[in-house]
């Protein structure tokens, strides 16, 4: 009997529902950008015409794509925690703009960022993170 090697998936992904804001956050790490786009069409609230017009950011460690308060964080390689926080902040700021929350409420933004970080770290497989550059 021939031994079959189990191939690891080339990406990891998960979803977080943000109930108080009625928003979805999707996180996708690893794999080719075209495979990410196919995944996004099948697994997110983003319509395919929006997904296939997304551009991969040149030189960026990760990118956040937003639509109507929802967001997808994409990274071709595992992210440092600092990069994750950076991308989560993009989501928070875009969500608050979409919901027309006044700019003078920093504390609400900070609480949401803290909540999201805790939720993401709890769900994020260790393979999706990498150690910080020294």
Protein backbone atom coordinates (compact mmCIF):
# COMPACT_ATOMS: atom_id res chain seq x y z
CA UNK A 1 0.00 0.00 0.00
CA UNK A 2 1.39 3.37 -1.02
CA UNK A 3 1.84 5.93 1.73
CA UNK A 4 -0.11 9.13 1.05
CA UNK A 5 1.33 12.37 2.34
CA UNK A 6 -1.29 14.69 3.75
CA UNK A 7 -0.69 18.08 2.22
CA UNK A 8 -1.13 21.05 4.52
CA UNK A 9 -3.42 23.77 3.15
CA UNK A 10 -1.53 26.71 1.67
CA UNK A 11 -3.59 29.17 3.70
CA UNK A 12 -5.42 29.61 6.99
CA UNK A 13 -8.58 31.64 7.42
CA UNK A 14 -11.25 32.46 9.96
CA UNK A 15 -14.17 34.80 10.54
CA UNK A 16 -15.23 37.03 13.42
CA UNK A 17 -18.68 38.50 13.90
CA UNK A 18 -18.72 41.90 15.64
CA UNK A 19 -22.27 41.90 17.03
CA UNK A 20 -22.62 45.42 18.43
CA UNK A 21 -21.54 46.87 15.07
CA UNK A 22 -23.23 44.25 12.88
CA UNK A 23 -19.97 43.69 11.00
CA UNK A 24 -17.88 40.80 9.71
CA UNK A 25 -14.11 40.51 9.84
CA UNK A 26 -12.41 37.85 7.75
CA UNK A 27 -8.73 37.00 8.10
CA UNK A 28 -6.82 35.09 5.41
CA UNK A 29 -3.11 34.30 5.63
CA UNK A 30 -0.97 32.44 3.11
CA UNK A 31 -1.36 31.32 -0.44
CA UNK A 32 -1.43 33.07 -3.76
CA UNK A 33 -3.50 36.22 -4.21
CA UNK A 34 -5.67 34.61 -6.90
CA UNK A 35 -6.54 31.76 -4.50
CA UNK A 36 -7.40 34.37 -1.86
CA UNK A 37 -9.76 36.03 -4.34
CA UNK A 38 -11.48 32.71 -5.10
CA UNK A 39 -11.81 32.03 -1.36
CA UNK A 40 -13.22 35.53 -0.73
CA UNK A 41 -15.92 35.03 -3.36
CA UNK A 42 -17.06 31.79 -1.75
CA UNK A 43 -16.65 32.62 1.95
CA UNK A 44 -17.30 36.32 2.54
CA UNK A 45 -20.03 38.93 2.09
CA UNK A 46 -18.00 40.62 -0.64
CA UNK A 47 -19.48 40.30 -4.16
CA UNK A 48 -17.28 38.69 -6.80
CA UNK A 49 -17.03 41.85 -8.93
CA UNK A 50 -15.55 43.65 -5.89
CA UNK A 51 -13.23 40.76 -5.01
CA UNK A 52 -11.75 40.39 -8.48
CA UNK A 53 -10.95 44.11 -8.67
CA UNK A 54 -8.92 43.95 -5.43
CA UNK A 55 -5.25 44.62 -5.96
CA UNK A 56 -2.45 43.10 -3.93
CA UNK A 57 -0.44 45.84 -2.25
CA UNK A 58 3.15 45.91 -3.44
CA UNK A 59 5.60 45.74 -0.57
CA UNK A 60 2.97 45.71 2.16
CA UNK A 61 3.08 42.96 4.78
CA UNK A 62 -0.73 42.79 4.77
CA UNK A 63 -3.75 44.63 3.36
CA UNK A 64 -7.25 45.32 4.63
CA UNK A 65 -10.11 45.46 2.17
CA UNK A 66 -13.34 47.06 3.37
CA UNK A 67 -16.93 47.16 2.16
CA UNK A 68 -20.02 48.47 3.98
CA UNK A 69 -18.41 48.05 7.38
CA UNK A 70 -17.12 44.53 6.71
CA UNK A 71 -13.44 43.80 6.09
CA UNK A 72 -10.98 41.17 4.95
CA UNK A 73 -7.40 41.18 6.18
CA UNK A 74 -5.12 39.44 3.68
CA UNK A 75 -1.47 38.55 4.13
CA UNK A 76 0.53 36.31 1.82
CA UNK A 77 2.75 35.28 4.72
CA UNK A 78 2.34 34.98 8.51
CA UNK A 79 1.94 38.38 10.20
CA UNK A 80 3.77 39.97 13.07
CA UNK A 81 1.47 41.07 15.90
CA UNK A 82 2.28 44.72 15.14
CA UNK A 83 1.11 44.22 11.54
CA UNK A 84 -2.07 42.56 12.79
CA UNK A 85 -2.83 45.53 15.08
CA UNK A 86 -2.12 47.91 12.17
CA UNK A 87 -4.62 46.07 9.94
CA UNK A 88 -7.21 45.82 12.73
CA UNK A 89 -6.99 49.59 13.18
CA UNK A 90 -7.79 50.05 9.48
CA UNK A 91 -10.91 47.95 10.05
CA UNK A 92 -11.91 49.94 13.15
CA UNK A 93 -11.45 53.32 11.45
CA UNK A 94 -13.29 52.26 8.30
CA UNK A 95 -16.14 50.76 10.35
CA UNK A 96 -16.57 53.95 12.40
CA UNK A 97 -16.55 56.07 9.22
CA UNK A 98 -19.15 53.79 7.65
CA UNK A 99 -21.34 54.00 10.78
CA UNK A 100 -20.89 57.81 10.94
CA UNK A 101 -19.43 57.78 14.46
CA UNK A 102 -18.00 61.24 15.29
CA UNK A 103 -14.21 61.54 15.28
CA UNK A 104 -14.13 62.81 18.88
CA UNK A 105 -14.77 59.34 20.37
CA UNK A 106 -11.29 57.79 20.56
CA UNK A 107 -12.15 55.62 23.55
CA UNK A 108 -14.78 53.64 21.62
CA UNK A 109 -12.25 53.01 18.85
CA UNK A 110 -9.67 51.84 21.38
CA UNK A 111 -12.12 49.47 23.09
CA UNK A 112 -13.13 47.98 19.75
CA UNK A 113 -9.48 47.55 18.73
CA UNK A 114 -8.76 45.79 22.04
CA UNK A 115 -11.81 43.55 21.64
CA UNK A 116 -10.86 42.63 18.06
CA UNK A 117 -7.25 41.90 18.97
CA UNK A 118 -8.34 39.53 21.74
CA UNK A 119 -10.87 37.79 19.47
CA UNK A 120 -8.41 37.42 16.61
CA UNK A 121 -5.56 36.12 18.78
CA UNK A 122 -7.92 33.58 20.33
CA UNK A 123 -9.02 32.25 16.92
CA UNK A 124 -5.78 32.69 14.99
CA UNK A 125 -3.78 29.51 14.43
CA UNK A 126 -0.16 29.95 15.48
CA UNK A 127 0.97 29.35 11.88
CA UNK A 128 -0.63 32.69 10.94
CA UNK A 129 1.71 34.68 13.22
CA UNK A 130 5.44 35.21 13.10
CA UNK A 131 7.95 36.63 15.52
CA UNK A 132 8.73 40.33 15.35
CA UNK A 133 11.79 41.53 13.46
CA UNK A 134 14.59 42.54 15.79
